[in-house]
Amino acid sequence: MEIDNNPVENSIRPTAIGKKNWLFMGHPKSGSRAATFYTLMGNCHREGINAEAYLTDLFTRLPAETNQTGHRRTPKAWATDQRALNQSLGKHCADTV
């Protein structure tokens, strides 16, 4: 049996290329800001949600949030809320027919 790790190498290629590209981010704080943004995008991907829809909703609601309510705006919490909303809308539509 031939040993082949090509699928693994392909899965880590974006990170390996990114390390080289992100080595010089400009301002010292921009690296941590980019890491935060990429973490949000990765969590959206993990939850199976549209990152653009999430960010649009997040940036419209974020100014009204406080330290005590900010935890409700994570991608996981947002996905749960969206699923509940979609189920309630689906149920409401079925009730009206």
PDB file of N, CA and C in Angstrom:
ATOM      1  N   MET A   1       0.835  -1.160   0.000  1.00  0.00           N
ATOM      2  CA  MET A   1       0.000   0.000   0.000  1.00  0.00           C
ATOM      3  C   MET A   1       0.894   1.242   0.000  1.00  0.00           C
ATOM      4  N   GLU A   2       0.609   2.141  -0.887  1.00  0.00           N
ATOM      5  CA  GLU A   2       1.383   3.369  -0.992  1.00  0.00           C
ATOM      6  C   GLU A   2       0.880   4.392   0.026  1.00  0.00           C
ATOM      7  N   ILE A   3       1.807   5.027   0.689  1.00  0.00           N
ATOM      8  CA  ILE A   3       1.446   6.051   1.667  1.00  0.00           C
ATOM      9  C   ILE A   3       1.228   7.362   0.920  1.00  0.00           C
ATOM     10  N   ASP A   4       0.075   7.963   1.165  1.00  0.00           N
ATOM     11  CA  ASP A   4      -0.271   9.204   0.483  1.00  0.00           C
ATOM     12  C   ASP A   4      -0.894  10.167   1.489  1.00  0.00           C
ATOM     13  N   ASN A   5      -0.281  11.305   1.679  1.00  0.00           N
ATOM     14  CA  ASN A   5      -0.846  12.297   2.583  1.00  0.00           C
ATOM     15  C   ASN A   5      -1.269  13.556   1.824  1.00  0.00           C
ATOM     16  N   ASN A   6      -1.525  13.410   0.535  1.00  0.00           N
ATOM     17  CA  ASN A   6      -1.893  14.548  -0.294  1.00  0.00           C
ATOM     18  C   ASN A   6      -3.161  15.252   0.204  1.00  0.00           C
ATOM     19  N   PRO A   7      -4.217  14.523   0.613  1.00  0.00           N
ATOM     20  CA  PRO A   7      -5.400  15.234   1.113  1.00  0.00           C
ATOM     21  C   PRO A   7      -5.091  16.116   2.333  1.00  0.00           C
ATOM     22  N   VAL A   8      -4.233  15.630   3.216  1.00  0.00           N
ATOM     23  CA  VAL A   8      -3.860  16.421   4.393  1.00  0.00           C
ATOM     24  C   VAL A   8      -3.067  17.646   3.962  1.00  0.00           C
ATOM     25  N   GLU A   9      -2.122  17.457   3.077  1.00  0.00           N
ATOM     26  CA  GLU A   9      -1.317  18.575   2.595  1.00  0.00           C
ATOM     27  C   GLU A   9      -2.190  19.618   1.906  1.00  0.00           C
ATOM     28  N   ASN A  10      -3.172  19.168   1.138  1.00  0.00           N
ATOM     29  CA  ASN A  10      -4.075  20.113   0.472  1.00  0.00           C
ATOM     30  C   ASN A  10      -4.929  20.879   1.479  1.00  0.00           C
ATOM     31  N   SER A  11      -5.309  20.241   2.579  1.00  0.00           N
ATOM     32  CA  SER A  11      -6.162  20.920   3.559  1.00  0.00           C
ATOM     33  C   SER A  11      -5.402  21.978   4.350  1.00  0.00           C
ATOM     34  N   ILE A  12      -4.096  21.810   4.534  1.00  0.00           N
ATOM     35  CA  ILE A  12      -3.337  22.798   5.300  1.00  0.00           C
ATOM     36  C   ILE A  12      -2.626  23.823   4.412  1.00  0.00           C
ATOM     37  N   ARG A  13      -2.727  23.654   3.109  1.00  0.00           N
ATOM     38  CA  ARG A  13      -2.054  24.576   2.194  1.00  0.00           C
ATOM     39  C   ARG A  13      -2.470  26.036   2.394  1.00  0.00           C
ATOM     40  N   PRO A  14      -3.781  26.361   2.520  1.00  0.00           N
ATOM     41  CA  PRO A  14      -4.140  27.774   2.710  1.00  0.00           C
ATOM     42  C   PRO A  14      -3.497  28.390   3.948  1.00  0.00           C
ATOM     43  N   THR A  15      -3.411  27.625   5.025  1.00  0.00           N
ATOM     44  CA  THR A  15      -2.783  28.141   6.234  1.00  0.00           C
ATOM     45  C   THR A  15      -1.293  28.350   6.026  1.00  0.00           C
ATOM     46  N   ALA A  16      -0.652  27.397   5.362  1.00  0.00           N
ATOM     47  CA  ALA A  16       0.784  27.513   5.124  1.00  0.00           C
ATOM     48  C   ALA A  16       1.097  28.715   4.232  1.00  0.00           C
ATOM     49  N   ILE A  17       0.298  28.916   3.210  1.00  0.00           N
ATOM     50  CA  ILE A  17       0.495  30.075   2.331  1.00  0.00           C
ATOM     51  C   ILE A  17       0.186  31.355   3.095  1.00  0.00           C
ATOM     52  N   GLY A  18      -0.871  31.302   3.912  1.00  0.00           N
ATOM     53  CA  GLY A  18      -1.249  32.474   4.699  1.00  0.00           C
ATOM     54  C   GLY A  18      -0.161  32.899   5.659  1.00  0.00           C
ATOM     55  N   LYS A  19       0.515  31.934   6.282  1.00  0.00           N
ATOM     56  CA  LYS A  19       1.589  32.289   7.212  1.00  0.00           C
ATOM     57  C   LYS A  19       2.639  33.148   6.519  1.00  0.00           C
ATOM     58  N   LYS A  20       2.950  32.786   5.298  1.00  0.00           N
ATOM     59  CA  LYS A  20       3.944  33.563   4.554  1.00  0.00           C
ATOM     60  C   LYS A  20       3.377  34.940   4.179  1.00  0.00           C
ATOM     61  N   ASN A  21       2.128  34.964   3.722  1.00  0.00           N
ATOM     62  CA  ASN A  21       1.518  36.219   3.286  1.00  0.00           C
ATOM     63  C   ASN A  21       1.227  37.169   4.443  1.00  0.00           C
ATOM     64  N   TRP A  22       0.915  36.629   5.614  1.00  0.00           N
ATOM     65  CA  TRP A  22       0.528  37.455   6.750  1.00  0.00           C
ATOM     66  C   TRP A  22       1.706  37.796   7.654  1.00  0.00           C
ATOM     67  N   LEU A  23       2.903  37.410   7.261  1.00  0.00           N
ATOM     68  CA  LEU A  23       4.061  37.649   8.095  1.00  0.00           C
ATOM     69  C   LEU A  23       4.247  39.143   8.387  1.00  0.00           C
ATOM     70  N   PHE A  24       4.017  39.960   7.393  1.00  0.00           N
ATOM     71  CA  PHE A  24       4.168  41.395   7.560  1.00  0.00           C
ATOM     72  C   PHE A  24       2.806  42.052   7.321  1.00  0.00           C
ATOM     73  N   MET A  25       2.024  42.145   8.386  1.00  0.00           N
ATOM     74  CA  MET A  25       0.653  42.655   8.294  1.00  0.00           C
ATOM     75  C   MET A  25       0.594  44.177   8.274  1.00  0.00           C
ATOM     76  N   GLY A  26       1.702  44.851   8.532  1.00  0.00           N
ATOM     77  CA  GLY A  26       1.683  46.306   8.606  1.00  0.00           C
ATOM     78  C   GLY A  26       1.758  46.742  10.054  1.00  0.00           C
ATOM     79  N   HIS A  27       0.656  47.192  10.566  1.00  0.00           N
ATOM     80  CA  HIS A  27       0.588  47.649  11.962  1.00  0.00           C
ATOM     81  C   HIS A  27       0.606  46.442  12.903  1.00  0.00           C
ATOM     82  N   PRO A  28       1.277  46.528  14.052  1.00  0.00           N
ATOM     83  CA  PRO A  28       1.347  45.392  14.982  1.00  0.00           C
ATOM     84  C   PRO A  28      -0.015  44.859  15.427  1.00  0.00           C
ATOM     85  N   LYS A  29      -1.018  45.725  15.538  1.00  0.00           N
ATOM     86  CA  LYS A  29      -2.340  45.278  15.979  1.00  0.00           C
ATOM     87  C   LYS A  29      -3.155  44.627  14.861  1.00  0.00           C
ATOM     88  N   SER A  30      -2.755  44.830  13.616  1.00  0.00           N
ATOM     89  CA  SER A  30      -3.549  44.307  12.508  1.00  0.00           C
ATOM     90  C   SER A  30      -3.528  42.783  12.462  1.00  0.00           C
ATOM     91  N   GLY A  31      -2.476  42.168  12.945  1.00  0.00           N
ATOM     92  CA  GLY A  31      -2.423  40.707  12.963  1.00  0.00           C
ATOM     93  C   GLY A  31      -3.479  40.109  13.867  1.00  0.00           C
ATOM     94  N   SER A  32      -3.637  40.656  15.063  1.00  0.00           N
ATOM     95  CA  SER A  32      -4.654  40.137  15.976  1.00  0.00           C
ATOM     96  C   SER A  32      -6.056  40.455  15.470  1.00  0.00           C
ATOM     97  N   ARG A  33      -6.222  41.588  14.811  1.00  0.00           N
ATOM     98  CA  ARG A  33      -7.537  41.915  14.232  1.00  0.00           C
ATOM     99  C   ARG A  33      -7.878  40.952  13.102  1.00  0.00           C
ATOM    100  N   ALA A  34      -6.900  40.653  12.271  1.00  0.00           N
ATOM    101  CA  ALA A  34      -7.135  39.693  11.186  1.00  0.00           C
ATOM    102  C   ALA A  34      -7.436  38.317  11.751  1.00  0.00           C
ATOM    103  N   ALA A  35      -6.743  37.925  12.806  1.00  0.00           N
ATOM    104  CA  ALA A  35      -6.997  36.621  13.422  1.00  0.00           C
ATOM    105  C   ALA A  35      -8.413  36.546  13.967  1.00  0.00           C
ATOM    106  N   THR A  36      -8.894  37.636  14.577  1.00  0.00           N
ATOM    107  CA  THR A  36     -10.263  37.674  15.083  1.00  0.00           C
ATOM    108  C   THR A  36     -11.259  37.526  13.941  1.00  0.00           C
ATOM    109  N   PHE A  37     -11.026  38.240  12.862  1.00  0.00           N
ATOM    110  CA  PHE A  37     -11.920  38.165  11.710  1.00  0.00           C
ATOM    111  C   PHE A  37     -11.929  36.758  11.108  1.00  0.00           C
ATOM    112  N   TYR A  38     -10.752  36.167  10.938  1.00  0.00           N
ATOM    113  CA  TYR A  38     -10.684  34.824  10.370  1.00  0.00           C
ATOM    114  C   TYR A  38     -11.311  33.796  11.301  1.00  0.00           C
ATOM    115  N   THR A  39     -11.236  34.013  12.604  1.00  0.00           N
ATOM    116  CA  THR A  39     -11.893  33.120  13.546  1.00  0.00           C
ATOM    117  C   THR A  39     -13.406  33.209  13.384  1.00  0.00           C
ATOM    118  N   LEU A  40     -13.934  34.415  13.222  1.00  0.00           N
ATOM    119  CA  LEU A  40     -15.368  34.570  12.982  1.00  0.00           C
ATOM    120  C   LEU A  40     -15.791  33.847  11.704  1.00  0.00           C
ATOM    121  N   MET A  41     -14.997  34.005  10.648  1.00  0.00           N
ATOM    122  CA  MET A  41     -15.332  33.355   9.379  1.00  0.00           C
ATOM    123  C   MET A  41     -15.272  31.834   9.509  1.00  0.00           C
ATOM    124  N   GLY A  42     -14.271  31.337  10.221  1.00  0.00           N
ATOM    125  CA  GLY A  42     -14.160  29.898  10.438  1.00  0.00           C
ATOM    126  C   GLY A  42     -15.322  29.354  11.232  1.00  0.00           C
ATOM    127  N   ASN A  43     -15.776  30.105  12.240  1.00  0.00           N
ATOM    128  CA  ASN A  43     -16.921  29.671  13.028  1.00  0.00           C
ATOM    129  C   ASN A  43     -18.207  29.709  12.215  1.00  0.00           C
ATOM    130  N   CYS A  44     -18.341  30.686  11.323  1.00  0.00           N
ATOM    131  CA  CYS A  44     -19.499  30.707  10.419  1.00  0.00           C
ATOM    132  C   CYS A  44     -19.492  29.470   9.535  1.00  0.00           C
ATOM    133  N   HIS A  45     -18.331  29.155   9.008  1.00  0.00           N
ATOM    134  CA  HIS A  45     -18.203  27.971   8.156  1.00  0.00           C
ATOM    135  C   HIS A  45     -18.549  26.706   8.941  1.00  0.00           C
ATOM    136  N   ARG A  46     -18.066  26.609  10.169  1.00  0.00           N
ATOM    137  CA  ARG A  46     -18.331  25.440  11.005  1.00  0.00           C
ATOM    138  C   ARG A  46     -19.823  25.290  11.301  1.00  0.00           C
ATOM    139  N   GLU A  47     -20.509  26.411  11.494  1.00  0.00           N
ATOM    140  CA  GLU A  47     -21.942  26.374  11.804  1.00  0.00           C
ATOM    141  C   GLU A  47     -22.800  26.246  10.550  1.00  0.00           C
ATOM    142  N   GLY A  48     -22.165  26.364   9.378  1.00  0.00           N
ATOM    143  CA  GLY A  48     -22.906  26.221   8.120  1.00  0.00           C
ATOM    144  C   GLY A  48     -23.785  27.428   7.812  1.00  0.00           C
ATOM    145  N   ILE A  49     -23.363  28.611   8.235  1.00  0.00           N
ATOM    146  CA  ILE A  49     -24.158  29.809   7.987  1.00  0.00           C
ATOM    147  C   ILE A  49     -23.454  30.709   6.988  1.00  0.00           C
ATOM    148  N   ASN A  50     -24.236  31.574   6.361  1.00  0.00           N
ATOM    149  CA  ASN A  50     -23.719  32.523   5.390  1.00  0.00           C
ATOM    150  C   ASN A  50     -22.990  33.626   6.157  1.00  0.00           C
ATOM    151  N   ALA A  51     -21.691  33.728   5.961  1.00  0.00           N
ATOM    152  CA  ALA A  51     -20.877  34.692   6.703  1.00  0.00           C
ATOM    153  C   ALA A  51     -21.292  36.127   6.401  1.00  0.00           C
ATOM    154  N   GLU A  52     -21.666  36.411   5.175  1.00  0.00           N
ATOM    155  CA  GLU A  52     -22.079  37.778   4.832  1.00  0.00           C
ATOM    156  C   GLU A  52     -23.368  38.148   5.560  1.00  0.00           C
ATOM    157  N   ALA A  53     -24.336  37.229   5.601  1.00  0.00           N
ATOM    158  CA  ALA A  53     -25.586  37.497   6.319  1.00  0.00           C
ATOM    159  C   ALA A  53     -25.319  37.675   7.808  1.00  0.00           C
ATOM    160  N   TYR A  54     -24.443  36.844   8.360  1.00  0.00           N
ATOM    161  CA  TYR A  54     -24.099  36.949   9.777  1.00  0.00           C
ATOM    162  C   TYR A  54     -23.456  38.301  10.083  1.00  0.00           C
ATOM    163  N   LEU A  55     -22.450  38.685   9.291  1.00  0.00           N
ATOM    164  CA  LEU A  55     -21.751  39.947   9.548  1.00  0.00           C
ATOM    165  C   LEU A  55     -22.663  41.156   9.366  1.00  0.00           C
ATOM    166  N   THR A  56     -23.543  41.095   8.364  1.00  0.00           N
ATOM    167  CA  THR A  56     -24.486  42.187   8.151  1.00  0.00           C
ATOM    168  C   THR A  56     -25.374  42.361   9.373  1.00  0.00           C
ATOM    169  N   ASP A  57     -25.914  41.255   9.866  1.00  0.00           N
ATOM    170  CA  ASP A  57     -26.764  41.304  11.054  1.00  0.00           C
ATOM    171  C   ASP A  57     -25.952  41.724  12.279  1.00  0.00           C
ATOM    172  N   LEU A  58     -24.760  41.178  12.416  1.00  0.00           N
ATOM    173  CA  LEU A  58     -23.908  41.502  13.561  1.00  0.00           C
ATOM    174  C   LEU A  58     -23.591  42.990  13.620  1.00  0.00           C
ATOM    175  N   PHE A  59     -23.171  43.564  12.498  1.00  0.00           N
ATOM    176  CA  PHE A  59     -22.760  44.963  12.500  1.00  0.00           C
ATOM    177  C   PHE A  59     -23.939  45.925  12.663  1.00  0.00           C
ATOM    178  N   THR A  60     -25.159  45.481  12.347  1.00  0.00           N
ATOM    179  CA  THR A  60     -26.312  46.348  12.595  1.00  0.00           C
ATOM    180  C   THR A  60     -26.753  46.271  14.057  1.00  0.00           C
ATOM    181  N   ARG A  61     -26.568  45.123  14.701  1.00  0.00           N
ATOM    182  CA  ARG A  61     -27.003  44.947  16.086  1.00  0.00           C
ATOM    183  C   ARG A  61     -25.911  45.287  17.114  1.00  0.00           C
ATOM    184  N   LEU A  62     -24.675  45.181  16.735  1.00  0.00           N
ATOM    185  CA  LEU A  62     -23.564  45.329  17.679  1.00  0.00           C
ATOM    186  C   LEU A  62     -23.543  46.662  18.431  1.00  0.00           C
ATOM    187  N   PRO A  63     -23.862  47.788  17.814  1.00  0.00           N
ATOM    188  CA  PRO A  63     -23.817  49.043  18.572  1.00  0.00           C
ATOM    189  C   PRO A  63     -24.755  49.067  19.781  1.00  0.00           C
ATOM    190  N   ALA A  64     -25.832  48.300  19.746  1.00  0.00           N
ATOM    191  CA  ALA A  64     -26.797  48.286  20.858  1.00  0.00           C
ATOM    192  C   ALA A  64     -26.452  47.232  21.915  1.00  0.00           C
ATOM    193  N   GLU A  65     -25.433  46.422  21.664  1.00  0.00           N
ATOM    194  CA  GLU A  65     -25.078  45.351  22.595  1.00  0.00           C
ATOM    195  C   GLU A  65     -24.248  45.891  23.758  1.00  0.00           C
ATOM    196  N   THR A  66     -24.284  45.175  24.865  1.00  0.00           N
ATOM    197  CA  THR A  66     -23.459  45.488  26.029  1.00  0.00           C
ATOM    198  C   THR A  66     -22.548  44.297  26.302  1.00  0.00           C
ATOM    199  N   ASN A  67     -21.680  44.424  27.274  1.00  0.00           N
ATOM    200  CA  ASN A  67     -20.808  43.311  27.647  1.00  0.00           C
ATOM    201  C   ASN A  67     -21.613  42.105  28.114  1.00  0.00           C
ATOM    202  N   GLN A  68     -22.783  42.357  28.699  1.00  0.00           N
ATOM    203  CA  GLN A  68     -23.602  41.260  29.213  1.00  0.00           C
ATOM    204  C   GLN A  68     -24.423  40.577  28.127  1.00  0.00           C
ATOM    205  N   THR A  69     -24.671  41.234  27.006  1.00  0.00           N
ATOM    206  CA  THR A  69     -25.506  40.634  25.957  1.00  0.00           C
ATOM    207  C   THR A  69     -24.717  40.249  24.714  1.00  0.00           C
ATOM    208  N   GLY A  70     -23.448  40.591  24.667  1.00  0.00           N
ATOM    209  CA  GLY A  70     -22.639  40.308  23.478  1.00  0.00           C
ATOM    210  C   GLY A  70     -22.506  38.833  23.155  1.00  0.00           C
ATOM    211  N   HIS A  71     -22.594  37.970  24.165  1.00  0.00           N
ATOM    212  CA  HIS A  71     -22.457  36.529  23.928  1.00  0.00           C
ATOM    213  C   HIS A  71     -23.562  35.983  23.025  1.00  0.00           C
ATOM    214  N   ARG A  72     -24.653  36.717  22.877  1.00  0.00           N
ATOM    215  CA  ARG A  72     -25.750  36.272  22.007  1.00  0.00           C
ATOM    216  C   ARG A  72     -25.449  36.502  20.530  1.00  0.00           C
ATOM    217  N   ARG A  73     -24.332  37.140  20.232  1.00  0.00           N
ATOM    218  CA  ARG A  73     -23.985  37.459  18.841  1.00  0.00           C
ATOM    219  C   ARG A  73     -22.880  36.586  18.276  1.00  0.00           C
ATOM    220  N   THR A  74     -22.553  35.482  18.924  1.00  0.00           N
ATOM    221  CA  THR A  74     -21.568  34.555  18.361  1.00  0.00           C
ATOM    222  C   THR A  74     -22.183  33.837  17.171  1.00  0.00           C
ATOM    223  N   PRO A  75     -21.375  33.330  16.248  1.00  0.00           N
ATOM    224  CA  PRO A  75     -21.943  32.597  15.118  1.00  0.00           C
ATOM    225  C   PRO A  75     -22.817  31.409  15.548  1.00  0.00           C
ATOM    226  N   LYS A  76     -22.422  30.706  16.592  1.00  0.00           N
ATOM    227  CA  LYS A  76     -23.220  29.562  17.050  1.00  0.00           C
ATOM    228  C   LYS A  76     -24.580  30.013  17.569  1.00  0.00           C
ATOM    229  N   ALA A  77     -24.607  31.062  18.406  1.00  0.00           N
ATOM    230  CA  ALA A  77     -25.873  31.576  18.929  1.00  0.00           C
ATOM    231  C   ALA A  77     -26.727  32.145  17.802  1.00  0.00           C
ATOM    232  N   TRP A  78     -26.092  32.830  16.861  1.00  0.00           N
ATOM    233  CA  TRP A  78     -26.819  33.409  15.737  1.00  0.00           C
ATOM    234  C   TRP A  78     -27.440  32.303  14.888  1.00  0.00           C
ATOM    235  N   ALA A  79     -26.694  31.237  14.639  1.00  0.00           N
ATOM    236  CA  ALA A  79     -27.222  30.120  13.851  1.00  0.00           C
ATOM    237  C   ALA A  79     -28.411  29.484  14.553  1.00  0.00           C
ATOM    238  N   THR A  80     -28.322  29.317  15.874  1.00  0.00           N
ATOM    239  CA  THR A  80     -29.428  28.744  16.637  1.00  0.00           C
ATOM    240  C   THR A  80     -30.661  29.639  16.544  1.00  0.00           C
ATOM    241  N   ASP A  81     -30.474  30.940  16.686  1.00  0.00           N
ATOM    242  CA  ASP A  81     -31.587  31.886  16.573  1.00  0.00           C
ATOM    243  C   ASP A  81     -32.205  31.845  15.183  1.00  0.00           C
ATOM    244  N   GLN A  82     -31.378  31.774  14.154  1.00  0.00           N
ATOM    245  CA  GLN A  82     -31.886  31.745  12.782  1.00  0.00           C
ATOM    246  C   GLN A  82     -32.679  30.476  12.511  1.00  0.00           C
ATOM    247  N   ARG A  83     -32.194  29.339  13.029  1.00  0.00           N
ATOM    248  CA  ARG A  83     -32.937  28.079  12.853  1.00  0.00           C
ATOM    249  C   ARG A  83     -34.291  28.155  13.549  1.00  0.00           C
ATOM    250  N   ALA A  84     -34.306  28.695  14.766  1.00  0.00           N
ATOM    251  CA  ALA A  84     -35.564  28.837  15.502  1.00  0.00           C
ATOM    252  C   ALA A  84     -36.517  29.775  14.769  1.00  0.00           C
ATOM    253  N   LEU A  85     -35.985  30.866  14.238  1.00  0.00           N
ATOM    254  CA  LEU A  85     -36.805  31.815  13.489  1.00  0.00           C
ATOM    255  C   LEU A  85     -37.382  31.163  12.237  1.00  0.00           C
ATOM    256  N   ASN A  86     -36.557  30.426  11.516  1.00  0.00           N
ATOM    257  CA  ASN A  86     -37.020  29.754  10.304  1.00  0.00           C
ATOM    258  C   ASN A  86     -38.077  28.705  10.623  1.00  0.00           C
ATOM    259  N   GLN A  87     -37.903  27.985  11.730  1.00  0.00           N
ATOM    260  CA  GLN A  87     -38.900  26.983  12.120  1.00  0.00           C
ATOM    261  C   GLN A  87     -40.213  27.655  12.508  1.00  0.00           C
ATOM    262  N   SER A  88     -40.133  28.758  13.240  1.00  0.00           N
ATOM    263  CA  SER A  88     -41.364  29.438  13.644  1.00  0.00           C
ATOM    264  C   SER A  88     -42.073  30.051  12.440  1.00  0.00           C
ATOM    265  N   LEU A  89     -41.309  30.577  11.499  1.00  0.00           N
ATOM    266  CA  LEU A  89     -41.927  31.115  10.287  1.00  0.00           C
ATOM    267  C   LEU A  89     -42.548  30.011   9.456  1.00  0.00           C
ATOM    268  N   GLY A  90     -41.865  28.876   9.375  1.00  0.00           N
ATOM    269  CA  GLY A  90     -42.407  27.737   8.637  1.00  0.00           C
ATOM    270  C   GLY A  90     -43.683  27.218   9.280  1.00  0.00           C
ATOM    271  N   LYS A  91     -43.688  27.155  10.608  1.00  0.00           N
ATOM    272  CA  LYS A  91     -44.868  26.693  11.328  1.00  0.00           C
ATOM    273  C   LYS A  91     -46.003  27.688  11.153  1.00  0.00           C
ATOM    274  N   HIS A  92     -45.686  28.997  11.229  1.00  0.00           N
ATOM    275  CA  HIS A  92     -46.698  30.031  11.072  1.00  0.00           C
ATOM    276  C   HIS A  92     -47.318  29.961   9.686  1.00  0.00           C
ATOM    277  N   CYS A  93     -46.491  29.768   8.678  1.00  0.00           N
ATOM    278  CA  CYS A  93     -46.997  29.670   7.300  1.00  0.00           C
ATOM    279  C   CYS A  93     -47.878  28.438   7.141  1.00  0.00           C
ATOM    280  N   ALA A  94     -47.484  27.334   7.785  1.00  0.00           N
ATOM    281  CA  ALA A  94     -48.281  26.105   7.690  1.00  0.00           C
ATOM    282  C   ALA A  94     -49.606  26.288   8.428  1.00  0.00           C
ATOM    283  N   ASP A  95     -49.638  27.071   9.515  1.00  0.00           N
ATOM    284  CA  ASP A  95     -50.858  27.296  10.279  1.00  0.00           C
ATOM    285  C   ASP A  95     -51.856  28.145   9.506  1.00  0.00           C
ATOM    286  N   THR A  96     -51.354  29.019   8.641  1.00  0.00           N
ATOM    287  CA  THR A  96     -52.258  29.925   7.912  1.00  0.00           C
ATOM    288  C   THR A  96     -52.875  29.262   6.703  1.00  0.00           C
ATOM    289  N   VAL A  97     -52.355  28.115   6.292  1.00  0.00           N
ATOM    290  CA  VAL A  97     -52.886  27.453   5.094  1.00  0.00           C
ATOM    291  C   VAL A  97     -54.085  26.638   5.434  1.00  0.00           C
TER     292      VAL A  97
END
